[in-house]
Amino acid sequence: MRISHRFIHWMGALTLLALASTPAHAQKVRVGYWTSGVSLGFGAVLEAQKFFEKEGLEVEYVHFPDVNAPTKAIAANAIDFALGASAGGALSVTADGLPLKIMLATQIAELSFVVLEDSPIKTMADLRGKKIGMSPAGSATSGITAAILDGNHGMKPGTYEAVPGNEPRLAQFLVQKDVDVAAIRSVTIAQMPGVKLRTLATAENEWKTLTKSDAKPVLGVGLVRKDFLDKNPDAAAKLVVGMRKAYEFGKVNKPAVVEALVKYANMPEANAKDYANLWNGIYMVSMEPADIATLKREFEIFKSVGAVKGTLPDSAFAPEPYQKSKAMK
C-alpha cells in the first residue's frame, strides 16, 4: 500500500502536537514541616496556593507534631526537605557530619519573654531560680534562650528550670502559673487577648546585646538532604523560588493567608487573622553571606552554653540553590 507524503506529514504533525501537549515529568520531593509552630503558616500557604507545584515539582507534604521531628525525619531519609527545621537542631546535625545541608534561613526568632501583669518579676535578672517556659531542648528557641540568659544575665543552665512545651501549651502554663515566664511569639500573645501580660524583653533586642550587632537570630532553616541536592540541583532551586513567591504572596494577600490557615490548620478565623498580620516579621527566605555568618555565630553561641557540640564546617551550608533561584522567575 502506498502512503502519501501528505499523510506522513499529517501524522508527524499530530505526533509533535501530542508531545508538545504532554507535561514534562515533574520532579518529586517530600516536604516536611512542624504543624504546631511558626512553620505552620508558611506550610499552609504553600499547600493552599501550590507554589511548589507551579514550579513543576510533584510534592508530598508530611506533617509533624513535634519541633524536632522534621530534622529527625530528614536524617532518616523520610523527607527530602524540611522547610522550617529548628536552627539549633539543623546546626547540630550538620556539625555531626550527617549528609544534610542548610539551604535557607526561613524564620526569625521573633520571641518575647512575658509574665503575667501582676507578677513580681520585673526584669530578666529576676529569672534566677524561676520556671521558664520554652520550646523543647534541641529547638532554636531553647538554645537562644539559654544563650541570652547566660551571656547577658550570667545564668547558667541549672540556675533556672526550663519547662518545655509547644506554644499553646506554654501559654496555658503561664495562665495557670505553672511557669513564671514564657518565651513565646507575638502571634501567640495576640491570641491571648483576655490575659494581661507584661513583656520583660524581646529575643531580638537581647540578641543584639549579646552579639553586639544588628543581626536577628534565626529560628528556622530550610534543611535538605545532600543526596537529593546532588541529584536534583534544579529542583532545589525551584524549592527556593516557591518559598520566595509564597513569602511575597503572604506579605500582600492577608485574606488568602487566613483562608489557608483555616482550611489546612483548622485555625479559628480570628487567630488566623492575628497570624496573617504578623507574617512580615516572622518569615524570611534568604541565604546571603550575612545569613550564613549569623548562623555560624549562633552555632558558636549555642556551643558556649552546651546546646550544640563539635565544629561547624563551611560544607554545612548550601547557598547554591538560593543563588541559582535569583535568575529564575
C-alpha atoms as a PDB file:
ATOM      1  CA  MET A   1       0.000   0.000   0.000  1.00  0.00           C
ATOM      2  CA  ARG A   2       1.318   3.381  -0.986  1.00  0.00           C
ATOM      3  CA  ILE A   3       1.249   6.087   1.706  1.00  0.00           C
ATOM      4  CA  SER A   4       1.081   9.652   0.511  1.00  0.00           C
ATOM      5  CA  HIS A   5       3.597  12.273   1.643  1.00  0.00           C
ATOM      6  CA  ARG A   6       0.665  14.394   2.796  1.00  0.00           C
ATOM      7  CA  PHE A   7      -0.472  11.590   5.158  1.00  0.00           C
ATOM      8  CA  ILE A   8       3.058  11.202   6.572  1.00  0.00           C
ATOM      9  CA  HIS A   9       3.288  14.946   7.121  1.00  0.00           C
ATOM     10  CA  TRP A  10      -0.126  14.973   8.806  1.00  0.00           C
ATOM     11  CA  MET A  11       0.773  12.112  11.164  1.00  0.00           C
ATOM     12  CA  GLY A  12       4.075  13.745  12.020  1.00  0.00           C
ATOM     13  CA  ALA A  13       2.328  16.979  12.893  1.00  0.00           C
ATOM     14  CA  LEU A  14      -0.078  15.112  15.178  1.00  0.00           C
ATOM     15  CA  THR A  15       2.839  13.383  16.923  1.00  0.00           C
ATOM     16  CA  LEU A  16       4.626  16.686  17.534  1.00  0.00           C
ATOM     17  CA  LEU A  17       1.409  18.223  18.819  1.00  0.00           C
ATOM     18  CA  ALA A  18       0.902  15.334  21.237  1.00  0.00           C
ATOM     19  CA  LEU A  19       4.465  15.622  22.501  1.00  0.00           C
ATOM     20  CA  ALA A  20       4.113  19.351  22.952  1.00  0.00           C
ATOM     21  CA  SER A  21       0.917  18.944  24.966  1.00  0.00           C
ATOM     22  CA  THR A  22       2.351  16.246  27.237  1.00  0.00           C
ATOM     23  CA  PRO A  23       3.596  17.768  30.517  1.00  0.00           C
ATOM     24  CA  ALA A  24       7.230  17.259  31.427  1.00  0.00           C
ATOM     25  CA  HIS A  25       7.882  14.686  34.114  1.00  0.00           C
ATOM     26  CA  ALA A  26       7.573  16.500  37.432  1.00  0.00           C
ATOM     27  CA  GLN A  27      10.428  16.198  39.901  1.00  0.00           C
ATOM     28  CA  LYS A  28       9.291  14.535  43.110  1.00  0.00           C
ATOM     29  CA  VAL A  29      10.106  15.979  46.526  1.00  0.00           C
ATOM     30  CA  ARG A  30       8.968  15.104  50.033  1.00  0.00           C
ATOM     31  CA  VAL A  31       8.470  18.270  52.084  1.00  0.00           C
ATOM     32  CA  GLY A  32       8.014  18.201  55.855  1.00  0.00           C
ATOM     33  CA  TYR A  33       7.145  20.810  58.444  1.00  0.00           C
ATOM     34  CA  TRP A  34       6.100  21.230  62.067  1.00  0.00           C
ATOM     35  CA  THR A  35       2.382  21.979  62.330  1.00  0.00           C
ATOM     36  CA  SER A  36       2.358  23.328  65.894  1.00  0.00           C
ATOM     37  CA  GLY A  37       4.906  26.081  65.480  1.00  0.00           C
ATOM     38  CA  VAL A  38       5.972  29.030  63.402  1.00  0.00           C
ATOM     39  CA  SER A  39       6.342  26.986  60.187  1.00  0.00           C
ATOM     40  CA  LEU A  40       2.613  26.217  60.239  1.00  0.00           C
ATOM     41  CA  GLY A  41       1.561  29.395  58.438  1.00  0.00           C
ATOM     42  CA  PHE A  42       4.157  29.093  55.691  1.00  0.00           C
ATOM     43  CA  GLY A  43       3.381  25.427  55.120  1.00  0.00           C
ATOM     44  CA  ALA A  44      -0.353  26.075  54.950  1.00  0.00           C
ATOM     45  CA  VAL A  45       0.081  28.803  52.322  1.00  0.00           C
ATOM     46  CA  LEU A  46       2.468  26.655  50.281  1.00  0.00           C
ATOM     47  CA  GLU A  47      -0.063  23.831  50.237  1.00  0.00           C
ATOM     48  CA  ALA A  48      -3.110  26.007  49.573  1.00  0.00           C
ATOM     49  CA  GLN A  49      -1.565  28.017  46.740  1.00  0.00           C
ATOM     50  CA  LYS A  50       0.532  25.133  45.328  1.00  0.00           C
ATOM     51  CA  PHE A  51       3.632  27.268  44.927  1.00  0.00           C
ATOM     52  CA  PHE A  52       5.952  24.274  44.598  1.00  0.00           C
ATOM     53  CA  GLU A  53       3.669  22.539  42.116  1.00  0.00           C
ATOM     54  CA  LYS A  54       3.583  25.707  39.988  1.00  0.00           C
ATOM     55  CA  GLU A  55       7.369  25.383  39.678  1.00  0.00           C
ATOM     56  CA  GLY A  56       6.957  21.904  38.193  1.00  0.00           C
ATOM     57  CA  LEU A  57       7.509  19.876  41.368  1.00  0.00           C
ATOM     58  CA  GLU A  58       5.465  16.862  42.445  1.00  0.00           C
ATOM     59  CA  VAL A  59       5.138  17.372  46.196  1.00  0.00           C
ATOM     60  CA  GLU A  60       4.295  15.047  49.053  1.00  0.00           C
ATOM     61  CA  TYR A  61       3.700  17.036  52.242  1.00  0.00           C
ATOM     62  CA  VAL A  62       4.492  15.355  55.551  1.00  0.00           C
ATOM     63  CA  HIS A  63       3.242  16.966  58.777  1.00  0.00           C
ATOM     64  CA  PHE A  64       4.930  16.598  62.158  1.00  0.00           C
ATOM     65  CA  PRO A  65       3.553  17.429  65.625  1.00  0.00           C
ATOM     66  CA  ASP A  66       6.967  17.908  67.272  1.00  0.00           C
ATOM     67  CA  VAL A  67       9.521  20.681  66.706  1.00  0.00           C
ATOM     68  CA  ASN A  68      12.461  18.282  66.326  1.00  0.00           C
ATOM     69  CA  ALA A  69      10.596  15.692  64.237  1.00  0.00           C
ATOM     70  CA  PRO A  70      11.338  17.202  60.775  1.00  0.00           C
ATOM     71  CA  THR A  71      15.078  17.144  61.500  1.00  0.00           C
ATOM     72  CA  LYS A  72      14.889  13.522  62.651  1.00  0.00           C
ATOM     73  CA  ALA A  73      12.794  12.609  59.615  1.00  0.00           C
ATOM     74  CA  ILE A  74      15.160  14.157  57.105  1.00  0.00           C
ATOM     75  CA  ALA A  75      18.125  12.448  58.776  1.00  0.00           C
ATOM     76  CA  ALA A  76      16.258   9.129  58.443  1.00  0.00           C
ATOM     77  CA  ASN A  77      15.503   9.797  54.742  1.00  0.00           C
ATOM     78  CA  ALA A  78      11.758  10.062  55.394  1.00  0.00           C
ATOM     79  CA  ILE A  79      11.636  13.507  53.731  1.00  0.00           C
ATOM     80  CA  ASP A  80      13.887  15.421  51.328  1.00  0.00           C
ATOM     81  CA  PHE A  81      13.347  18.998  52.509  1.00  0.00           C
ATOM     82  CA  ALA A  82      12.288  20.478  55.859  1.00  0.00           C
ATOM     83  CA  LEU A  83      11.020  23.984  55.193  1.00  0.00           C
ATOM     84  CA  GLY A  84      11.259  25.253  58.778  1.00  0.00           C
ATOM     85  CA  ALA A  85      13.599  22.957  60.675  1.00  0.00           C
ATOM     86  CA  SER A  86      14.832  24.176  64.056  1.00  0.00           C
ATOM     87  CA  ALA A  87      18.047  26.124  63.506  1.00  0.00           C
ATOM     88  CA  GLY A  88      19.503  24.586  66.671  1.00  0.00           C
ATOM     89  CA  GLY A  89      18.804  21.034  65.522  1.00  0.00           C
ATOM     90  CA  ALA A  90      19.995  21.746  61.981  1.00  0.00           C
ATOM     91  CA  LEU A  91      23.275  23.221  63.220  1.00  0.00           C
ATOM     92  CA  SER A  92      23.753  20.229  65.485  1.00  0.00           C
ATOM     93  CA  VAL A  93      23.197  17.511  62.865  1.00  0.00           C
ATOM     94  CA  THR A  94      25.319  19.232  60.223  1.00  0.00           C
ATOM     95  CA  ALA A  95      28.145  19.649  62.751  1.00  0.00           C
ATOM     96  CA  ASP A  96      27.820  15.934  63.496  1.00  0.00           C
ATOM     97  CA  GLY A  97      28.525  15.223  59.842  1.00  0.00           C
ATOM     98  CA  LEU A  98      25.125  13.927  58.778  1.00  0.00           C
ATOM     99  CA  PRO A  99      24.578  14.202  54.987  1.00  0.00           C
ATOM    100  CA  LEU A 100      22.344  17.272  55.275  1.00  0.00           C
ATOM    101  CA  LYS A 101      22.716  20.889  54.151  1.00  0.00           C
ATOM    102  CA  ILE A 102      21.288  24.178  55.397  1.00  0.00           C
ATOM    103  CA  MET A 103      19.838  25.704  52.234  1.00  0.00           C
ATOM    104  CA  LEU A 104      17.850  28.700  53.537  1.00  0.00           C
ATOM    105  CA  ALA A 105      17.194  30.881  56.549  1.00  0.00           C
ATOM    106  CA  THR A 106      13.396  30.827  56.754  1.00  0.00           C
ATOM    107  CA  GLN A 107      12.238  32.102  60.144  1.00  0.00           C
ATOM    108  CA  ILE A 108      13.231  34.874  62.517  1.00  0.00           C
ATOM    109  CA  ALA A 109      13.356  34.270  66.285  1.00  0.00           C
ATOM    110  CA  GLU A 110      10.565  36.746  66.921  1.00  0.00           C
ATOM    111  CA  LEU A 111      10.105  35.960  70.629  1.00  0.00           C
ATOM    112  CA  SER A 112       9.125  37.838  73.745  1.00  0.00           C
ATOM    113  CA  PHE A 113       9.764  36.920  77.373  1.00  0.00           C
ATOM    114  CA  VAL A 114       6.419  37.603  79.047  1.00  0.00           C
ATOM    115  CA  VAL A 115       4.977  37.345  82.560  1.00  0.00           C
ATOM    116  CA  LEU A 116       1.504  37.901  83.943  1.00  0.00           C
ATOM    117  CA  GLU A 117       0.887  41.577  84.631  1.00  0.00           C
ATOM    118  CA  ASP A 118       0.715  41.076  88.428  1.00  0.00           C
ATOM    119  CA  SER A 119       3.943  39.028  88.533  1.00  0.00           C
ATOM    120  CA  PRO A 120       6.608  40.228  90.998  1.00  0.00           C
ATOM    121  CA  ILE A 121       9.231  39.578  88.289  1.00  0.00           C
ATOM    122  CA  LYS A 122      10.323  42.923  86.846  1.00  0.00           C
ATOM    123  CA  THR A 123      13.459  42.209  84.789  1.00  0.00           C
ATOM    124  CA  MET A 124      15.288  39.343  83.126  1.00  0.00           C
ATOM    125  CA  ALA A 125      17.731  39.400  86.033  1.00  0.00           C
ATOM    126  CA  ASP A 126      14.880  38.242  88.288  1.00  0.00           C
ATOM    127  CA  LEU A 127      14.594  34.889  86.470  1.00  0.00           C
ATOM    128  CA  ARG A 128      17.266  33.136  88.500  1.00  0.00           C
ATOM    129  CA  GLY A 129      15.669  30.145  90.193  1.00  0.00           C
ATOM    130  CA  LYS A 130      12.411  30.595  88.270  1.00  0.00           C
ATOM    131  CA  LYS A 131      10.454  28.313  85.919  1.00  0.00           C
ATOM    132  CA  ILE A 132      10.866  29.405  82.299  1.00  0.00           C
ATOM    133  CA  GLY A 133       8.550  28.020  79.617  1.00  0.00           C
ATOM    134  CA  MET A 134      10.227  27.483  76.252  1.00  0.00           C
ATOM    135  CA  SER A 135      10.311  25.115  73.287  1.00  0.00           C
ATOM    136  CA  PRO A 136      11.799  21.650  73.966  1.00  0.00           C
ATOM    137  CA  ALA A 137      15.543  21.043  74.206  1.00  0.00           C
ATOM    138  CA  GLY A 138      17.118  20.856  70.755  1.00  0.00           C
ATOM    139  CA  SER A 139      14.970  23.670  69.402  1.00  0.00           C
ATOM    140  CA  ALA A 140      16.442  27.001  68.362  1.00  0.00           C
ATOM    141  CA  THR A 141      14.230  28.757  70.908  1.00  0.00           C
ATOM    142  CA  SER A 142      15.722  26.818  73.805  1.00  0.00           C
ATOM    143  CA  GLY A 143      19.250  27.455  72.512  1.00  0.00           C
ATOM    144  CA  ILE A 144      18.626  31.178  72.006  1.00  0.00           C
ATOM    145  CA  THR A 145      17.015  31.489  75.439  1.00  0.00           C
ATOM    146  CA  ALA A 146      19.887  29.659  77.136  1.00  0.00           C
ATOM    147  CA  ALA A 147      22.436  31.822  75.317  1.00  0.00           C
ATOM    148  CA  ILE A 148      20.656  35.065  76.305  1.00  0.00           C
ATOM    149  CA  LEU A 149      20.309  34.071  79.954  1.00  0.00           C
ATOM    150  CA  ASP A 150      23.947  33.032  80.147  1.00  0.00           C
ATOM    151  CA  GLY A 151      25.595  35.727  78.044  1.00  0.00           C
ATOM    152  CA  ASN A 152      23.521  38.720  79.119  1.00  0.00           C
ATOM    153  CA  HIS A 153      22.471  37.800  82.648  1.00  0.00           C
ATOM    154  CA  GLY A 154      25.044  35.294  83.933  1.00  0.00           C
ATOM    155  CA  MET A 155      22.564  32.426  84.383  1.00  0.00           C
ATOM    156  CA  LYS A 156      23.921  29.004  83.537  1.00  0.00           C
ATOM    157  CA  PRO A 157      21.557  26.082  82.825  1.00  0.00           C
ATOM    158  CA  GLY A 158      20.592  24.725  86.228  1.00  0.00           C
ATOM    159  CA  THR A 159      20.194  28.148  87.806  1.00  0.00           C
ATOM    160  CA  TYR A 160      16.627  28.166  86.416  1.00  0.00           C
ATOM    161  CA  GLU A 161      14.136  25.440  85.489  1.00  0.00           C
ATOM    162  CA  ALA A 162      13.359  25.044  81.789  1.00  0.00           C
ATOM    163  CA  VAL A 163       9.772  23.860  81.228  1.00  0.00           C
ATOM    164  CA  PRO A 164       9.307  22.570  77.644  1.00  0.00           C
ATOM    165  CA  GLY A 165       6.174  22.685  75.529  1.00  0.00           C
ATOM    166  CA  ASN A 166       4.681  23.932  72.270  1.00  0.00           C
ATOM    167  CA  GLU A 167       3.362  27.488  72.235  1.00  0.00           C
ATOM    168  CA  PRO A 168      -0.302  26.825  73.094  1.00  0.00           C
ATOM    169  CA  ARG A 169       0.876  24.696  75.988  1.00  0.00           C
ATOM    170  CA  LEU A 170       3.296  27.367  77.193  1.00  0.00           C
ATOM    171  CA  ALA A 171       0.525  29.959  77.112  1.00  0.00           C
ATOM    172  CA  GLN A 172      -1.605  27.609  79.206  1.00  0.00           C
ATOM    173  CA  PHE A 173       1.256  27.026  81.656  1.00  0.00           C
ATOM    174  CA  LEU A 174       1.666  30.793  82.077  1.00  0.00           C
ATOM    175  CA  VAL A 175      -2.043  31.424  82.694  1.00  0.00           C
ATOM    176  CA  GLN A 176      -2.169  28.576  85.212  1.00  0.00           C
ATOM    177  CA  LYS A 177       1.024  29.873  86.884  1.00  0.00           C
ATOM    178  CA  ASP A 178       2.840  26.617  86.215  1.00  0.00           C
ATOM    179  CA  VAL A 179       5.709  28.734  84.856  1.00  0.00           C
ATOM    180  CA  ASP A 180       6.899  32.156  85.946  1.00  0.00           C
ATOM    181  CA  VAL A 181       7.742  33.412  82.451  1.00  0.00           C
ATOM    182  CA  ALA A 182       7.255  32.139  78.898  1.00  0.00           C
ATOM    183  CA  ALA A 183       9.333  32.672  75.769  1.00  0.00           C
ATOM    184  CA  ILE A 184       6.599  32.906  73.143  1.00  0.00           C
ATOM    185  CA  ARG A 185       5.931  34.546  69.793  1.00  0.00           C
ATOM    186  CA  SER A 186       3.858  37.651  69.148  1.00  0.00           C
ATOM    187  CA  VAL A 187       1.288  35.577  67.274  1.00  0.00           C
ATOM    188  CA  THR A 188       0.668  33.547  70.436  1.00  0.00           C
ATOM    189  CA  ILE A 189       0.450  36.708  72.549  1.00  0.00           C
ATOM    190  CA  ALA A 190      -2.072  38.147  70.088  1.00  0.00           C
ATOM    191  CA  GLN A 191      -4.227  35.071  70.616  1.00  0.00           C
ATOM    192  CA  MET A 192      -4.399  35.737  74.389  1.00  0.00           C
ATOM    193  CA  PRO A 193      -6.468  38.966  74.345  1.00  0.00           C
ATOM    194  CA  GLY A 194      -8.117  38.272  77.695  1.00  0.00           C
ATOM    195  CA  VAL A 195      -4.837  37.737  79.524  1.00  0.00           C
ATOM    196  CA  LYS A 196      -2.956  40.755  80.886  1.00  0.00           C
ATOM    197  CA  LEU A 197       0.733  40.278  80.139  1.00  0.00           C
ATOM    198  CA  ARG A 198       3.892  42.271  80.627  1.00  0.00           C
ATOM    199  CA  THR A 199       6.962  41.940  78.396  1.00  0.00           C
ATOM    200  CA  LEU A 200      10.336  41.703  80.118  1.00  0.00           C
ATOM    201  CA  ALA A 201      12.403  41.673  76.931  1.00  0.00           C
ATOM    202  CA  THR A 202      12.433  40.555  73.315  1.00  0.00           C
ATOM    203  CA  ALA A 203      14.804  37.983  71.860  1.00  0.00           C
ATOM    204  CA  GLU A 204      15.735  40.400  69.081  1.00  0.00           C
ATOM    205  CA  ASN A 205      16.931  43.135  71.456  1.00  0.00           C
ATOM    206  CA  GLU A 206      18.608  40.654  73.790  1.00  0.00           C
ATOM    207  CA  TRP A 207      20.389  39.087  70.817  1.00  0.00           C
ATOM    208  CA  LYS A 208      21.684  42.466  69.672  1.00  0.00           C
ATOM    209  CA  THR A 209      23.114  42.996  73.161  1.00  0.00           C
ATOM    210  CA  LEU A 210      24.633  39.511  73.157  1.00  0.00           C
ATOM    211  CA  THR A 211      26.228  39.744  69.700  1.00  0.00           C
ATOM    212  CA  LYS A 212      26.891  43.486  69.717  1.00  0.00           C
ATOM    213  CA  SER A 213      25.409  43.617  66.207  1.00  0.00           C
ATOM    214  CA  ASP A 214      22.113  44.281  64.410  1.00  0.00           C
ATOM    215  CA  ALA A 215      21.801  40.653  63.289  1.00  0.00           C
ATOM    216  CA  LYS A 216      18.480  38.988  64.011  1.00  0.00           C
ATOM    217  CA  PRO A 217      18.576  35.484  65.476  1.00  0.00           C
ATOM    218  CA  VAL A 218      17.449  32.774  63.043  1.00  0.00           C
ATOM    219  CA  LEU A 219      14.826  30.402  64.406  1.00  0.00           C
ATOM    220  CA  GLY A 220      14.149  28.116  61.432  1.00  0.00           C
ATOM    221  CA  VAL A 221      16.001  26.974  58.334  1.00  0.00           C
ATOM    222  CA  GLY A 222      15.403  25.093  55.125  1.00  0.00           C
ATOM    223  CA  LEU A 223      17.226  21.793  55.570  1.00  0.00           C
ATOM    224  CA  VAL A 224      17.829  19.495  52.583  1.00  0.00           C
ATOM    225  CA  ARG A 225      19.298  16.037  52.135  1.00  0.00           C
ATOM    226  CA  LYS A 226      22.678  16.129  50.393  1.00  0.00           C
ATOM    227  CA  ASP A 227      21.818  13.241  48.070  1.00  0.00           C
ATOM    228  CA  PHE A 228      18.623  14.973  46.951  1.00  0.00           C
ATOM    229  CA  LEU A 229      20.532  18.214  46.357  1.00  0.00           C
ATOM    230  CA  ASP A 230      23.280  16.441  44.398  1.00  0.00           C
ATOM    231  CA  LYS A 231      20.803  14.605  42.181  1.00  0.00           C
ATOM    232  CA  ASN A 232      18.268  17.408  41.803  1.00  0.00           C
ATOM    233  CA  PRO A 233      20.001  20.810  41.806  1.00  0.00           C
ATOM    234  CA  ASP A 234      17.275  22.310  39.620  1.00  0.00           C
ATOM    235  CA  ALA A 235      14.535  21.020  41.925  1.00  0.00           C
ATOM    236  CA  ALA A 236      16.324  22.540  44.919  1.00  0.00           C
ATOM    237  CA  ALA A 237      16.403  25.926  43.174  1.00  0.00           C
ATOM    238  CA  LYS A 238      12.694  25.555  42.361  1.00  0.00           C
ATOM    239  CA  LEU A 239      12.009  24.961  46.047  1.00  0.00           C
ATOM    240  CA  VAL A 240      13.649  28.305  46.806  1.00  0.00           C
ATOM    241  CA  VAL A 241      11.620  30.022  44.077  1.00  0.00           C
ATOM    242  CA  GLY A 242       8.411  28.562  45.519  1.00  0.00           C
ATOM    243  CA  MET A 243       9.389  29.659  49.030  1.00  0.00           C
ATOM    244  CA  ARG A 244      10.207  33.176  47.855  1.00  0.00           C
ATOM    245  CA  LYS A 245       6.928  33.525  45.966  1.00  0.00           C
ATOM    246  CA  ALA A 246       4.973  32.210  48.959  1.00  0.00           C
ATOM    247  CA  TYR A 247       6.696  34.733  51.233  1.00  0.00           C
ATOM    248  CA  GLU A 248       5.915  37.659  48.929  1.00  0.00           C
ATOM    249  CA  PHE A 249       2.354  36.415  48.464  1.00  0.00           C
ATOM    250  CA  GLY A 250       1.782  36.287  52.221  1.00  0.00           C
ATOM    251  CA  LYS A 251       3.010  39.847  52.652  1.00  0.00           C
ATOM    252  CA  VAL A 252       0.301  41.301  50.428  1.00  0.00           C
ATOM    253  CA  ASN A 253      -2.530  38.729  50.495  1.00  0.00           C
ATOM    254  CA  LYS A 254      -3.580  38.537  54.141  1.00  0.00           C
ATOM    255  CA  PRO A 255      -7.106  37.174  53.409  1.00  0.00           C
ATOM    256  CA  ALA A 256      -5.605  34.263  51.476  1.00  0.00           C
ATOM    257  CA  VAL A 257      -3.257  33.514  54.386  1.00  0.00           C
ATOM    258  CA  VAL A 258      -6.256  33.478  56.717  1.00  0.00           C
ATOM    259  CA  GLU A 259      -8.135  31.150  54.367  1.00  0.00           C
ATOM    260  CA  ALA A 260      -5.175  28.757  54.169  1.00  0.00           C
ATOM    261  CA  LEU A 261      -4.781  28.637  57.958  1.00  0.00           C
ATOM    262  CA  VAL A 262      -8.469  27.984  58.478  1.00  0.00           C
ATOM    263  CA  LYS A 263      -8.519  25.218  55.860  1.00  0.00           C
ATOM    264  CA  TYR A 264      -5.174  23.487  56.365  1.00  0.00           C
ATOM    265  CA  ALA A 265      -4.510  24.220  60.040  1.00  0.00           C
ATOM    266  CA  ASN A 266      -8.071  24.153  61.390  1.00  0.00           C
ATOM    267  CA  MET A 267      -7.319  27.518  62.972  1.00  0.00           C
ATOM    268  CA  PRO A 268     -10.178  29.770  64.127  1.00  0.00           C
ATOM    269  CA  GLU A 269     -10.560  32.736  61.790  1.00  0.00           C
ATOM    270  CA  ALA A 270      -9.761  35.314  64.481  1.00  0.00           C
ATOM    271  CA  ASN A 271      -6.496  33.546  65.333  1.00  0.00           C
ATOM    272  CA  ALA A 272      -5.661  33.167  61.653  1.00  0.00           C
ATOM    273  CA  LYS A 273      -6.053  36.930  61.185  1.00  0.00           C
ATOM    274  CA  ASP A 274      -3.612  37.574  64.043  1.00  0.00           C
ATOM    275  CA  TYR A 275      -1.150  35.201  62.411  1.00  0.00           C
ATOM    276  CA  ALA A 276      -1.519  36.775  58.956  1.00  0.00           C
ATOM    277  CA  ASN A 277      -0.973  40.287  60.317  1.00  0.00           C
ATOM    278  CA  LEU A 278       2.391  39.244  61.780  1.00  0.00           C
ATOM    279  CA  TRP A 279       3.580  37.380  58.647  1.00  0.00           C
ATOM    280  CA  ASN A 280       6.061  40.054  57.515  1.00  0.00           C
ATOM    281  CA  GLY A 281       8.031  39.974  60.764  1.00  0.00           C
ATOM    282  CA  ILE A 282       8.064  36.201  61.225  1.00  0.00           C
ATOM    283  CA  TYR A 283       9.435  34.817  57.960  1.00  0.00           C
ATOM    284  CA  MET A 284      12.369  35.292  55.627  1.00  0.00           C
ATOM    285  CA  VAL A 285      13.680  33.449  52.550  1.00  0.00           C
ATOM    286  CA  SER A 286      17.382  34.135  52.243  1.00  0.00           C
ATOM    287  CA  MET A 287      20.845  32.583  52.166  1.00  0.00           C
ATOM    288  CA  GLU A 288      23.111  35.568  51.684  1.00  0.00           C
ATOM    289  CA  PRO A 289      26.642  35.591  53.139  1.00  0.00           C
ATOM    290  CA  ALA A 290      25.305  37.639  56.070  1.00  0.00           C
ATOM    291  CA  ASP A 291      22.767  34.899  56.860  1.00  0.00           C
ATOM    292  CA  ILE A 292      25.480  32.251  56.850  1.00  0.00           C
ATOM    293  CA  ALA A 293      27.595  34.444  59.129  1.00  0.00           C
ATOM    294  CA  THR A 294      24.650  34.802  61.524  1.00  0.00           C
ATOM    295  CA  LEU A 295      24.089  31.031  61.631  1.00  0.00           C
ATOM    296  CA  LYS A 296      27.787  30.415  62.242  1.00  0.00           C
ATOM    297  CA  ARG A 297      27.669  32.886  65.097  1.00  0.00           C
ATOM    298  CA  GLU A 298      24.576  31.196  66.505  1.00  0.00           C
ATOM    299  CA  PHE A 299      26.415  27.883  66.454  1.00  0.00           C
ATOM    300  CA  GLU A 300      29.315  29.264  68.474  1.00  0.00           C
ATOM    301  CA  ILE A 301      26.941  30.879  70.974  1.00  0.00           C
ATOM    302  CA  PHE A 302      24.879  27.688  71.277  1.00  0.00           C
ATOM    303  CA  LYS A 303      28.105  25.734  71.737  1.00  0.00           C
ATOM    304  CA  SER A 304      29.180  28.020  74.569  1.00  0.00           C
ATOM    305  CA  VAL A 305      26.085  27.017  76.571  1.00  0.00           C
ATOM    306  CA  GLY A 306      26.246  23.329  75.651  1.00  0.00           C
ATOM    307  CA  ALA A 307      23.299  23.368  73.219  1.00  0.00           C
ATOM    308  CA  VAL A 308      25.475  22.002  70.361  1.00  0.00           C
ATOM    309  CA  LYS A 309      28.842  20.307  70.111  1.00  0.00           C
ATOM    310  CA  GLY A 310      31.686  19.906  67.650  1.00  0.00           C
ATOM    311  CA  THR A 311      32.756  22.117  64.778  1.00  0.00           C
ATOM    312  CA  LEU A 312      30.520  23.552  62.086  1.00  0.00           C
ATOM    313  CA  PRO A 313      32.159  23.192  58.648  1.00  0.00           C
ATOM    314  CA  ASP A 314      31.548  25.528  55.722  1.00  0.00           C
ATOM    315  CA  SER A 315      30.146  22.495  53.899  1.00  0.00           C
ATOM    316  CA  ALA A 316      27.146  22.583  56.254  1.00  0.00           C
ATOM    317  CA  PHE A 317      25.713  25.349  54.064  1.00  0.00           C
ATOM    318  CA  ALA A 318      24.425  25.112  50.502  1.00  0.00           C
ATOM    319  CA  PRO A 319      23.794  28.643  49.177  1.00  0.00           C
ATOM    320  CA  GLU A 320      23.876  27.491  45.531  1.00  0.00           C
ATOM    321  CA  PRO A 321      20.112  26.839  45.136  1.00  0.00           C
ATOM    322  CA  TYR A 322      19.341  30.297  46.548  1.00  0.00           C
ATOM    323  CA  GLN A 323      21.838  31.976  44.247  1.00  0.00           C
ATOM    324  CA  LYS A 324      20.571  29.995  41.261  1.00  0.00           C
ATOM    325  CA  SER A 325      16.975  30.908  42.097  1.00  0.00           C
ATOM    326  CA  LYS A 326      17.737  34.608  41.619  1.00  0.00           C
ATOM    327  CA  ALA A 327      17.861  34.052  37.845  1.00  0.00           C
ATOM    328  CA  MET A 328      14.550  32.167  37.856  1.00  0.00           C
ATOM    329  CA  LYS A 329      11.143  33.853  37.665  1.00  0.00           C
END
